[in-house]
Amino acid sequence: MNTTYDLVAIGGGTGGLVSAAGAAYMGLDAAIVEKSALGGDCLWTGCVPSKALIASGRLAHQMNEARALGLRPAEHPHDFRAVMERMRSARATVAHHDDPERFRKMGVAVHFGAARFTGPSTVEVDGVGTIRSKRFVIATGAVPAIPPIPGLRESGYWTYETVFDENELPESIAILGGGPIGTEFAQIFARLGSRVTVLEMAPAILIREDPDVAVFMQRLLAEEGIEVRTGAAVTAVRSEGGRKVVEAGVGDPVAVDEVFVATGRRPFTRGLDLDAAGIRTDRGTVVVDPFLRTSARTVWAVGDVTDAMHFTHVADHMAKVALRNAILPARTKIRYDNVPRVTFTDPEVAHVGMSEAEAAAAGGTVYRYGMDDLDRAIVDGTAVGYVKVSADRKGKVMGATVVAHGAGDLILPFVLAKQNGLTLSAIANTIFPYPTMAEGVKRASAEFLRSRLDTPAGRTLKKVIQWLK
C-alpha cells in the first residue's frame, strides 16, 4: 500500500473531496484520510438530510393550507417515522456521489482512521500507520457548539448531528438559537405537528440579516404557530415530571418534551496534534493566510475548520483555491465578497454582498419590489416576501436580499451581476420569461431605471420626449 503522496486531504467532506479529486485530475498522487464516512456534514447531518425534511414540511403545510388554492385541506397527523425514512432513503441515493470507490476510480487513495500530525510532512493514521506527503489540506469541518448551560447535558438534547437518527416527533420542543439552523428546524418541527418555542438570546432572530428581514420572518413564524422569544438567554435546563423545563430571561419557564440546540458551530481539530506540525490556531480555528496556507508551509486549510463562512459552496471554492496555490507557482487570493448565503425556511432568505445599512453608508440606494404584486407568485399562492437590491449611482450591485419561495435560485442574477460588474440596467433590460418568479428580480432592478428619470438628465429627456410628441 502506497503511503507517500503529493497531496493528502484530512477530512472527507466537501473541502477534502474537492481538493483530493482535483489533485488526482492534475496527475498528482492524492489521498483522503477520513475517520468515519466520506461526505461530511453536508451529506450526513447538514444540507442533504435537512432539505429532505424541509421538503416534507413544506408539502405538509401545503396540504393543511390547500383551501387557499380552492382545494380541500388534508388535515391529519403525519407519520414522522415515514418522513425520516424517506429522508434517509434520499440521503442514501445522494451518497453515491461520495462513494469511496468512485474516488478510488479517480485515482484517489482513501484511508479510514483518525489522523494526527507527527510533523509538517507526516501524519499517523489509526489502523494505517505513517502517511507522508509533500502537501496536506486540512478539511475536518465543524461540530455543534454546545453552550455551558447548567443542567443541559444532564437533561439531554438534540442537535443537527443527532436529530436525523430520531423516529419520534416530540409533542413540544424548545429550540435554543434563532439562526439559520434554528429557524429551519423550527419550521420543520412545527409543520410536522410539534409545538415549537424558539429561544434566541440576541434582540432578533437571523441576526446576520437586515432588521426588516428578521422582523418579517419572525412574524411569519408566529403566523405558523411558532412562539419566538428574543432577548432570551437560557440560564438553566432541568428534568421535571418526565419533561424538560427551560429557564430563560424572558417570560415563564418553558416545559417541553425535547430540547434542540442550535447555538452555532465550532471548528473540529481535536486529536489532530496541530502543534506537532507547527500549525497555528486562533480561538479554535486553523489560521490561514489569504492564500489559505497555514503557518506550516506544507499545509493548507479549507472550509469550516477555518474562520471562513460555514457553507458547502464556500468549502468547495476554498478547496479549488488552495489546490491551485499548493501546486502552481502563481498564487490566488481567496475572496468572499461575492458569496451568497441562503436560509432554507419557507419562504427562503437569500443574500449577497453588503447589508442595506452598509450600502447606504457607502452612498448606495436601495430598490425594492414586493412579491405580493408578482403575477406568478399570486397564481401559485406564494405571494409573500420581497426583493431588495442596493446599488451605487451607476447601478452596480452592492448588496441584495431576496425573501421569497425559491430565493436561493432568485438571488443568482444579483450574484452574477455583482461579480462581473454588471448594472441593474443590464438586468432590467434582459428579457425574462413570463410568468416566472424571476421577474421579481427584474422588476426590482427596473426601479433603478425609473429612478433615473428623476435626475436632471432624466427630466431633460422627458422634456425632449414631450417636445417630440
Protein backbone atom coordinates (compact mmCIF):
# COMPACT_ATOMS: atom_id res chain seq x y z
CA MET A 1 0.00 0.00 0.00
CA ASN A 2 1.34 3.42 -1.02
CA THR A 3 1.71 5.76 1.94
CA THR A 4 3.65 8.58 0.26
CA TYR A 5 1.71 11.16 -1.71
CA ASP A 6 1.90 14.53 -3.40
CA LEU A 7 -1.24 15.77 -1.62
CA VAL A 8 -3.31 14.38 1.25
CA ALA A 9 -6.66 15.80 2.34
CA ILE A 10 -7.52 15.25 6.00
CA GLY A 11 -11.29 15.11 6.20
CA GLY A 12 -13.72 13.59 3.72
CA GLY A 13 -16.23 16.42 3.46
CA THR A 14 -16.61 18.82 0.54
CA GLY A 15 -13.26 20.58 1.04
CA GLY A 16 -11.28 17.37 1.30
CA LEU A 17 -13.04 15.60 -1.56
CA VAL A 18 -12.70 18.52 -3.96
CA SER A 19 -9.01 19.14 -3.20
CA ALA A 20 -8.03 15.44 -3.44
CA ALA A 21 -10.07 14.78 -6.58
CA GLY A 22 -8.67 17.91 -8.21
CA ALA A 23 -5.11 16.88 -7.36
CA ALA A 24 -5.66 13.43 -8.88
CA TYR A 25 -7.14 15.00 -12.01
CA MET A 26 -3.97 17.09 -12.35
CA GLY A 27 -1.86 13.96 -12.22
CA LEU A 28 -0.72 14.07 -8.60
CA ASP A 29 -0.66 11.11 -6.23
CA ALA A 30 -3.53 12.09 -3.94
CA ALA A 31 -5.22 10.61 -0.89
CA ILE A 32 -8.04 11.29 1.54
CA VAL A 33 -7.91 10.43 5.23
CA GLU A 34 -11.34 10.25 6.87
CA LYS A 35 -12.19 8.93 10.32
CA SER A 36 -15.72 7.70 9.52
CA ALA A 37 -17.55 8.16 6.18
CA LEU A 38 -16.99 10.30 3.10
CA GLY A 39 -19.44 13.12 2.51
CA GLY A 40 -19.02 15.18 5.66
CA ASP A 41 -21.69 17.29 7.35
CA CYS A 42 -23.37 18.23 4.09
CA LEU A 43 -24.28 14.66 3.20
CA TRP A 44 -24.92 13.10 6.60
CA THR A 45 -26.01 15.82 9.03
CA GLY A 46 -26.43 19.02 7.05
CA CYS A 47 -27.57 20.17 3.63
CA VAL A 48 -28.93 16.92 2.21
CA PRO A 49 -30.99 15.45 5.08
CA SER A 50 -32.22 18.81 6.35
CA LYS A 51 -33.50 19.82 2.91
CA ALA A 52 -35.27 16.46 2.65
CA LEU A 53 -37.11 17.25 5.89
CA ILE A 54 -37.82 20.80 4.70
CA ALA A 55 -39.44 19.35 1.57
CA SER A 56 -41.70 17.11 3.68
CA GLY A 57 -42.58 20.01 5.98
CA ARG A 58 -43.36 22.26 3.03
CA LEU A 59 -45.74 19.73 1.48
CA ALA A 60 -47.39 19.07 4.84
CA HIS A 61 -48.02 22.80 5.16
CA GLN A 62 -49.42 22.98 1.64
CA MET A 63 -51.73 20.05 2.39
CA ASN A 64 -53.02 21.78 5.51
CA GLU A 65 -53.45 25.08 3.66
CA ALA A 66 -54.95 23.62 0.48
CA ARG A 67 -58.10 25.72 0.92
CA ALA A 68 -56.07 28.74 -0.21
CA LEU A 69 -55.96 27.14 -3.68
CA GLY A 70 -59.59 26.10 -3.70
CA LEU A 71 -58.92 22.54 -2.54
CA ARG A 72 -59.95 20.53 0.48
CA PRO A 73 -57.28 20.56 3.16
CA ALA A 74 -55.77 17.24 4.23
CA GLU A 75 -55.54 17.94 7.93
CA HIS A 76 -54.40 14.81 9.72
CA PRO A 77 -51.37 13.72 11.77
CA HIS A 78 -48.25 12.97 9.77
CA ASP A 79 -46.13 9.85 10.18
CA PHE A 80 -42.82 11.26 11.42
CA ARG A 81 -41.11 7.87 11.16
CA ALA A 82 -42.08 7.65 7.48
CA VAL A 83 -40.76 11.18 6.92
CA MET A 84 -37.43 10.22 8.50
CA GLU A 85 -37.22 7.01 6.50
CA ARG A 86 -37.84 8.94 3.29
CA MET A 87 -35.09 11.39 4.30
CA ARG A 88 -32.65 8.53 4.85
CA SER A 89 -33.58 7.00 1.51
CA ALA A 90 -32.93 10.30 -0.27
CA ARG A 91 -29.64 10.68 1.57
CA ALA A 92 -28.58 7.16 0.56
CA THR A 93 -29.35 7.98 -3.07
CA VAL A 94 -27.24 11.13 -2.96
CA ALA A 95 -24.44 9.28 -1.13
CA HIS A 96 -23.24 7.55 -4.31
CA HIS A 97 -21.58 10.84 -5.26
CA ASP A 98 -19.27 10.37 -2.27
CA ASP A 99 -18.74 6.62 -2.53
CA PRO A 100 -15.11 5.70 -1.73
CA GLU A 101 -14.90 3.50 -4.84
CA ARG A 102 -15.85 6.47 -7.02
CA PHE A 103 -12.85 8.37 -5.71
CA ARG A 104 -10.55 5.38 -5.98
CA LYS A 105 -11.51 5.14 -9.66
CA MET A 106 -10.47 8.78 -9.98
CA GLY A 107 -7.04 7.79 -8.68
CA VAL A 108 -7.54 8.99 -5.11
CA ALA A 109 -6.41 6.66 -2.32
CA VAL A 110 -8.94 6.53 0.53
CA HIS A 111 -7.76 5.74 4.07
CA PHE A 112 -10.14 5.44 7.03
CA GLY A 113 -8.93 6.28 10.51
CA ALA A 114 -8.27 9.23 12.82
CA ALA A 115 -5.22 11.26 11.78
CA ARG A 116 -2.72 13.22 13.85
CA PHE A 117 0.27 15.19 12.69
CA THR A 118 3.70 13.97 13.68
CA GLY A 119 5.48 16.67 11.67
CA PRO A 120 4.83 19.11 8.82
CA SER A 121 5.09 16.30 6.24
CA THR A 122 3.76 13.27 8.13
CA VAL A 123 0.58 12.09 9.80
CA GLU A 124 -0.13 8.97 11.79
CA VAL A 125 -3.44 7.32 10.88
CA ASP A 126 -5.08 4.77 13.16
CA GLY A 127 -5.05 1.37 11.51
CA VAL A 128 -2.92 2.59 8.61
CA GLY A 129 0.36 3.87 10.01
CA THR A 130 2.52 6.78 8.91
CA ILE A 131 1.50 8.69 5.78
CA ARG A 132 3.92 11.12 4.17
CA SER A 133 3.00 13.90 1.78
CA LYS A 134 4.50 16.97 0.17
CA ARG A 135 1.26 18.82 0.85
CA PHE A 136 -1.65 18.48 3.26
CA VAL A 137 -5.10 20.10 3.15
CA ILE A 138 -6.94 20.19 6.50
CA ALA A 139 -10.68 19.94 5.90
CA THR A 140 -12.04 18.48 9.12
CA GLY A 141 -15.10 20.73 9.32
CA ALA A 142 -17.01 21.77 12.41
CA VAL A 143 -19.29 20.33 15.09
CA PRO A 144 -22.18 21.76 17.12
CA ALA A 145 -21.13 24.29 19.75
CA ILE A 146 -22.90 23.35 22.97
CA PRO A 147 -23.27 26.21 25.47
CA PRO A 148 -22.36 25.57 29.14
CA ILE A 149 -25.95 25.85 30.38
CA PRO A 150 -26.46 24.26 33.82
CA GLY A 151 -28.46 21.05 33.53
CA LEU A 152 -28.43 20.89 29.73
CA ARG A 153 -26.16 17.86 29.41
CA GLU A 154 -27.88 16.04 32.24
CA SER A 155 -31.33 16.62 30.74
CA GLY A 156 -30.27 15.61 27.24
CA TYR A 157 -30.77 17.40 23.94
CA TRP A 158 -30.82 17.06 20.16
CA THR A 159 -28.52 18.77 17.66
CA TYR A 160 -28.35 18.81 13.87
CA GLU A 161 -25.92 15.88 14.21
CA THR A 162 -28.26 13.65 16.22
CA VAL A 163 -31.74 14.59 15.00
CA PHE A 164 -31.53 12.52 11.83
CA ASP A 165 -31.34 9.33 13.89
CA GLU A 166 -34.68 10.05 15.58
CA ASN A 167 -38.03 8.49 14.64
CA GLU A 168 -40.50 10.05 17.09
CA LEU A 169 -41.62 13.66 16.86
CA PRO A 170 -41.91 15.33 20.28
CA GLU A 171 -45.25 16.94 21.06
CA SER A 172 -43.32 20.04 22.09
CA ILE A 173 -39.78 21.21 21.54
CA ALA A 174 -37.68 24.21 22.58
CA ILE A 175 -35.06 25.36 20.09
CA LEU A 176 -32.10 27.19 21.57
CA GLY A 177 -30.93 29.61 18.90
CA GLY A 178 -32.76 31.57 16.22
CA GLY A 179 -30.13 31.47 13.49
CA PRO A 180 -30.48 29.65 10.15
CA ILE A 181 -30.37 26.14 11.66
CA GLY A 182 -32.75 27.04 14.47
CA THR A 183 -35.34 28.71 12.24
CA GLU A 184 -35.21 25.98 9.61
CA PHE A 185 -35.82 23.24 12.17
CA ALA A 186 -38.44 25.29 13.98
CA GLN A 187 -40.49 25.36 10.81
CA ILE A 188 -39.85 21.66 10.09
CA PHE A 189 -40.97 20.52 13.54
CA ALA A 190 -43.98 22.84 13.62
CA ARG A 191 -45.22 21.86 10.17
CA LEU A 192 -44.95 18.17 11.03
CA GLY A 193 -47.03 18.65 14.17
CA SER A 194 -44.86 19.72 17.10
CA ARG A 195 -45.45 22.76 19.32
CA VAL A 196 -42.29 24.85 18.96
CA THR A 197 -40.72 27.60 21.04
CA VAL A 198 -37.59 29.38 19.77
CA LEU A 199 -35.36 30.99 22.40
CA GLU A 200 -32.84 33.46 20.97
CA MET A 201 -30.56 35.47 23.24
CA ALA A 202 -29.96 38.21 20.63
CA PRO A 203 -32.50 41.02 20.09
CA ALA A 204 -33.70 39.34 16.87
CA ILE A 205 -33.65 36.04 15.05
CA LEU A 206 -31.46 35.71 11.93
CA ILE A 207 -29.20 38.37 13.39
CA ARG A 208 -26.91 38.43 10.33
CA GLU A 209 -29.77 39.58 8.11
CA ASP A 210 -31.13 43.10 7.78
CA PRO A 211 -33.56 44.09 10.57
CA ASP A 212 -36.55 44.17 8.22
CA VAL A 213 -35.83 40.57 7.18
CA ALA A 214 -35.67 39.41 10.79
CA VAL A 215 -38.95 41.15 11.63
CA PHE A 216 -40.63 39.72 8.54
CA MET A 217 -39.52 36.16 9.25
CA GLN A 218 -40.39 36.33 12.95
CA ARG A 219 -43.91 37.47 12.08
CA LEU A 220 -44.22 34.66 9.53
CA LEU A 221 -43.09 32.02 12.05
CA ALA A 222 -45.58 33.38 14.56
CA GLU A 223 -48.36 33.07 11.97
CA GLU A 224 -47.48 29.38 11.71
CA GLY A 225 -47.91 28.96 15.45
CA ILE A 226 -44.24 29.10 16.42
CA GLU A 227 -43.51 31.07 19.59
CA VAL A 228 -40.35 33.15 19.24
CA ARG A 229 -38.73 34.81 22.25
CA THR A 230 -35.84 37.14 21.56
CA GLY A 231 -33.54 38.54 24.20
CA ALA A 232 -33.99 35.17 25.91
CA ALA A 233 -30.70 33.92 27.32
CA VAL A 234 -31.23 30.40 28.61
CA THR A 235 -29.92 30.11 32.17
CA ALA A 236 -30.79 26.53 33.10
CA VAL A 237 -32.46 23.31 31.96
CA ARG A 238 -33.89 20.72 34.33
CA SER A 239 -35.85 17.49 34.12
CA GLU A 240 -39.20 17.59 35.85
CA GLY A 241 -42.04 15.07 35.65
CA GLY A 242 -40.69 13.41 32.53
CA ARG A 243 -40.34 16.74 30.71
CA LYS A 244 -37.60 19.31 30.30
CA VAL A 245 -38.01 22.77 31.76
CA VAL A 246 -36.01 25.55 30.12
CA GLU A 247 -35.48 28.76 32.03
CA ALA A 248 -34.71 31.94 30.12
CA GLY A 249 -34.61 35.60 30.94
CA VAL A 250 -37.87 36.35 29.13
CA GLY A 251 -41.27 35.01 30.17
CA ASP A 252 -42.15 31.92 32.15
CA PRO A 253 -40.04 28.75 32.04
CA VAL A 254 -40.81 26.58 29.00
CA ALA A 255 -41.79 22.96 29.71
CA VAL A 256 -41.21 20.78 26.65
CA ASP A 257 -40.64 17.17 25.66
CA GLU A 258 -37.35 17.85 23.89
CA VAL A 259 -34.63 20.50 23.55
CA PHE A 260 -32.88 21.17 20.25
CA VAL A 261 -29.57 23.06 20.50
CA ALA A 262 -28.82 25.34 17.54
CA THR A 263 -26.39 27.80 19.11
CA GLY A 264 -23.68 27.67 16.49
CA ARG A 265 -20.77 25.51 15.39
CA ARG A 266 -17.07 25.27 16.27
CA PRO A 267 -14.14 24.02 14.18
CA PHE A 268 -13.18 20.39 14.75
CA THR A 269 -9.45 19.91 15.35
CA ARG A 270 -9.50 17.50 18.28
CA GLY A 271 -6.78 14.87 18.06
CA LEU A 272 -5.01 16.40 15.05
CA ASP A 273 -1.99 17.46 17.16
CA LEU A 274 -1.52 20.58 15.05
CA ASP A 275 1.35 21.79 17.24
CA ALA A 276 3.49 18.89 16.01
CA ALA A 277 3.35 20.38 12.52
CA GLY A 278 3.71 24.00 13.66
CA ILE A 279 0.14 24.87 12.66
CA ARG A 280 -1.21 27.92 14.48
CA THR A 281 -4.80 28.25 15.68
CA ASP A 282 -6.81 31.17 16.99
CA ARG A 283 -9.83 30.56 19.24
CA GLY A 284 -10.11 27.07 17.85
CA THR A 285 -9.91 27.91 14.14
CA VAL A 286 -6.96 27.00 11.94
CA VAL A 287 -5.28 30.25 10.92
CA VAL A 288 -4.68 30.66 7.18
CA ASP A 289 -3.27 33.47 5.09
CA PRO A 290 -5.11 34.99 2.09
CA PHE A 291 -3.80 32.06 0.02
CA LEU A 292 -5.24 29.51 2.54
CA ARG A 293 -1.81 28.38 3.69
CA THR A 294 -1.30 27.69 7.38
CA SER A 295 1.76 28.62 9.41
CA ALA A 296 3.26 25.31 8.20
CA ARG A 297 4.45 25.77 4.63
CA THR A 298 3.35 22.28 3.63
CA VAL A 299 -0.20 22.60 4.97
CA TRP A 300 -3.30 24.42 3.73
CA ALA A 301 -6.74 24.52 5.37
CA VAL A 302 -10.22 24.96 3.91
CA GLY A 303 -13.84 25.01 4.94
CA ASP A 304 -15.42 25.20 8.37
CA VAL A 305 -12.20 24.43 10.26
CA THR A 306 -11.04 27.96 9.34
CA ASP A 307 -12.78 31.24 10.16
CA ALA A 308 -14.48 31.35 6.76
CA MET A 309 -18.24 31.24 6.29
CA HIS A 310 -19.65 27.80 7.11
CA PHE A 311 -21.18 26.90 3.76
CA THR A 312 -20.62 23.91 1.49
CA HIS A 313 -20.21 26.16 -1.54
CA VAL A 314 -17.53 28.15 0.30
CA ALA A 315 -15.63 24.98 1.22
CA ASP A 316 -15.82 23.91 -2.43
CA HIS A 317 -14.42 27.25 -3.61
CA MET A 318 -11.72 27.31 -0.95
CA ALA A 319 -10.58 23.81 -1.90
CA LYS A 320 -10.09 24.88 -5.52
CA VAL A 321 -8.14 27.97 -4.50
CA ALA A 322 -6.00 26.02 -2.03
CA LEU A 323 -5.25 23.36 -4.65
CA ARG A 324 -4.12 25.96 -7.20
CA ASN A 325 -1.88 27.60 -4.63
CA ALA A 326 -0.46 24.27 -3.47
CA ILE A 327 0.56 23.00 -6.92
CA LEU A 328 1.12 26.10 -9.08
CA PRO A 329 3.76 28.83 -8.74
CA ALA A 330 1.25 31.64 -9.34
CA ARG A 331 -0.83 32.28 -6.22
CA THR A 332 -4.51 33.22 -5.96
CA LYS A 333 -6.05 35.13 -3.04
CA ILE A 334 -9.35 33.91 -1.64
CA ARG A 335 -12.28 36.36 -1.82
CA TYR A 336 -15.61 36.14 -0.05
CA ASP A 337 -17.30 39.38 -1.12
CA ASN A 338 -19.50 37.71 -3.76
CA VAL A 339 -20.53 34.65 -1.73
CA PRO A 340 -24.31 34.20 -1.49
CA ARG A 341 -25.99 32.65 1.53
CA VAL A 342 -29.41 31.08 1.90
CA THR A 343 -31.56 30.25 4.89
CA PHE A 344 -33.89 27.49 3.71
CA THR A 345 -37.02 28.49 5.56
CA ASP A 346 -40.25 28.80 3.59
CA PRO A 347 -40.04 31.38 2.12
CA GLU A 348 -36.27 31.24 1.77
CA VAL A 349 -33.97 34.12 2.68
CA ALA A 350 -31.05 34.72 0.31
CA HIS A 351 -28.40 37.43 0.46
CA VAL A 352 -25.21 38.55 -1.23
CA GLY A 353 -22.87 41.46 -0.57
CA MET A 354 -23.37 44.42 1.74
CA SER A 355 -26.25 44.86 4.12
CA GLU A 356 -28.68 47.66 3.35
CA ALA A 357 -27.13 49.82 6.09
CA GLU A 358 -23.57 49.19 4.87
CA ALA A 359 -24.54 50.07 1.31
CA ALA A 360 -26.33 53.23 2.41
CA ALA A 361 -23.26 54.32 4.39
CA ALA A 362 -21.21 53.84 1.23
CA GLY A 363 -23.57 56.00 -0.83
CA GLY A 364 -25.83 53.27 -2.18
CA THR A 365 -29.57 53.39 -2.81
CA VAL A 366 -31.99 50.52 -2.18
CA TYR A 367 -34.61 49.43 -4.71
CA ARG A 368 -37.50 47.13 -3.73
CA TYR A 369 -40.24 45.04 -5.22
CA GLY A 370 -42.91 43.15 -3.29
CA MET A 371 -43.62 39.58 -4.36
CA ASP A 372 -47.29 40.09 -3.43
CA ASP A 373 -47.56 42.06 -6.70
CA LEU A 374 -45.93 39.39 -8.90
CA ASP A 375 -48.29 37.54 -11.23
CA ARG A 376 -46.64 34.11 -10.92
CA ALA A 377 -46.47 34.33 -7.13
CA ILE A 378 -50.14 35.31 -6.99
CA VAL A 379 -51.39 32.42 -9.13
CA ASP A 380 -49.12 29.94 -7.32
CA GLY A 381 -50.33 31.06 -3.91
CA THR A 382 -46.79 32.06 -2.93
CA ALA A 383 -47.22 35.83 -2.96
CA VAL A 384 -45.12 36.52 0.11
CA GLY A 385 -41.79 38.28 0.52
CA TYR A 386 -39.84 40.83 -1.45
CA VAL A 387 -36.72 41.60 -3.44
CA LYS A 388 -34.42 44.44 -2.48
CA VAL A 389 -31.12 45.44 -4.01
CA SER A 390 -28.68 48.22 -3.13
CA ALA A 391 -26.70 49.83 -5.92
CA ASP A 392 -24.35 52.75 -6.48
CA ARG A 393 -25.13 55.72 -8.71
CA LYS A 394 -24.20 53.77 -11.83
CA GLY A 395 -26.43 50.88 -10.86
CA LYS A 396 -23.70 48.44 -9.85
CA VAL A 397 -24.89 45.94 -7.27
CA MET A 398 -23.58 46.48 -3.74
CA GLY A 399 -25.83 44.01 -1.94
CA ALA A 400 -29.12 42.21 -2.42
CA THR A 401 -31.65 40.23 -0.40
CA VAL A 402 -34.48 38.07 -1.65
CA VAL A 403 -37.18 36.78 0.69
CA ALA A 404 -39.36 34.52 -1.41
CA HIS A 405 -40.18 30.99 -2.40
CA GLY A 406 -37.08 29.80 -4.26
CA ALA A 407 -35.00 32.80 -3.12
CA GLY A 408 -31.83 30.67 -3.26
CA ASP A 409 -32.26 30.49 -7.02
CA LEU A 410 -33.61 34.01 -7.47
CA ILE A 411 -30.52 35.62 -5.90
CA LEU A 412 -28.25 34.34 -8.69
CA PRO A 413 -28.75 37.24 -11.19
CA PHE A 414 -27.57 39.63 -8.49
CA VAL A 415 -24.59 37.40 -7.65
CA LEU A 416 -23.56 37.25 -11.32
CA ALA A 417 -24.06 40.99 -11.73
CA LYS A 418 -22.04 41.83 -8.64
CA GLN A 419 -19.18 39.50 -9.50
CA ASN A 420 -18.95 40.66 -13.11
CA GLY A 421 -19.59 44.37 -12.64
CA LEU A 422 -22.95 44.37 -14.41
CA THR A 423 -25.53 47.03 -13.60
CA LEU A 424 -29.18 46.88 -12.66
CA SER A 425 -29.85 48.33 -16.10
CA ALA A 426 -28.38 45.16 -17.62
CA ILE A 427 -30.74 43.02 -15.56
CA ALA A 428 -33.77 45.23 -16.22
CA ASN A 429 -33.09 45.24 -19.98
CA THR A 430 -32.78 41.44 -20.13
CA ILE A 431 -35.84 39.55 -21.39
CA PHE A 432 -37.17 37.32 -18.62
CA PRO A 433 -39.77 34.63 -19.37
CA TYR A 434 -43.32 35.35 -18.22
CA PRO A 435 -44.78 34.35 -15.85
CA THR A 436 -41.91 33.39 -13.57
CA MET A 437 -40.75 34.16 -10.04
CA ALA A 438 -37.52 35.52 -11.54
CA GLU A 439 -39.45 38.52 -12.82
CA GLY A 440 -39.35 39.81 -9.26
CA VAL A 441 -35.60 40.31 -9.68
CA LYS A 442 -36.13 42.15 -12.95
CA ARG A 443 -38.82 44.42 -11.50
CA ALA A 444 -36.68 45.38 -8.50
CA SER A 445 -33.86 46.20 -10.95
CA ALA A 446 -36.26 48.23 -13.09
CA GLU A 447 -36.85 50.52 -10.11
CA PHE A 448 -33.31 51.77 -10.71
CA LEU A 449 -34.22 52.78 -14.28
CA ARG A 450 -37.32 54.59 -13.07
CA SER A 451 -35.25 56.46 -10.53
CA ARG A 452 -33.03 57.76 -13.32
CA LEU A 453 -35.99 59.72 -14.67
CA ASP A 454 -35.87 61.86 -11.52
CA THR A 455 -32.30 63.00 -12.19
CA PRO A 456 -31.52 66.22 -14.15
CA ALA A 457 -30.67 64.11 -17.21
CA GLY A 458 -33.90 62.16 -16.83
CA ARG A 459 -36.02 65.29 -16.53
CA THR A 460 -34.35 66.71 -19.61
CA LEU A 461 -35.12 63.51 -21.50
CA LYS A 462 -38.79 63.75 -20.52
CA LYS A 463 -38.90 67.34 -21.77
CA VAL A 464 -37.38 66.28 -25.09
CA ILE A 465 -39.94 63.48 -25.43
CA GLN A 466 -42.75 65.92 -24.66
CA TRP A 467 -41.40 68.28 -27.33
CA LEU A 468 -41.09 65.47 -29.91
CA LYS A 469 -44.66 64.28 -29.48
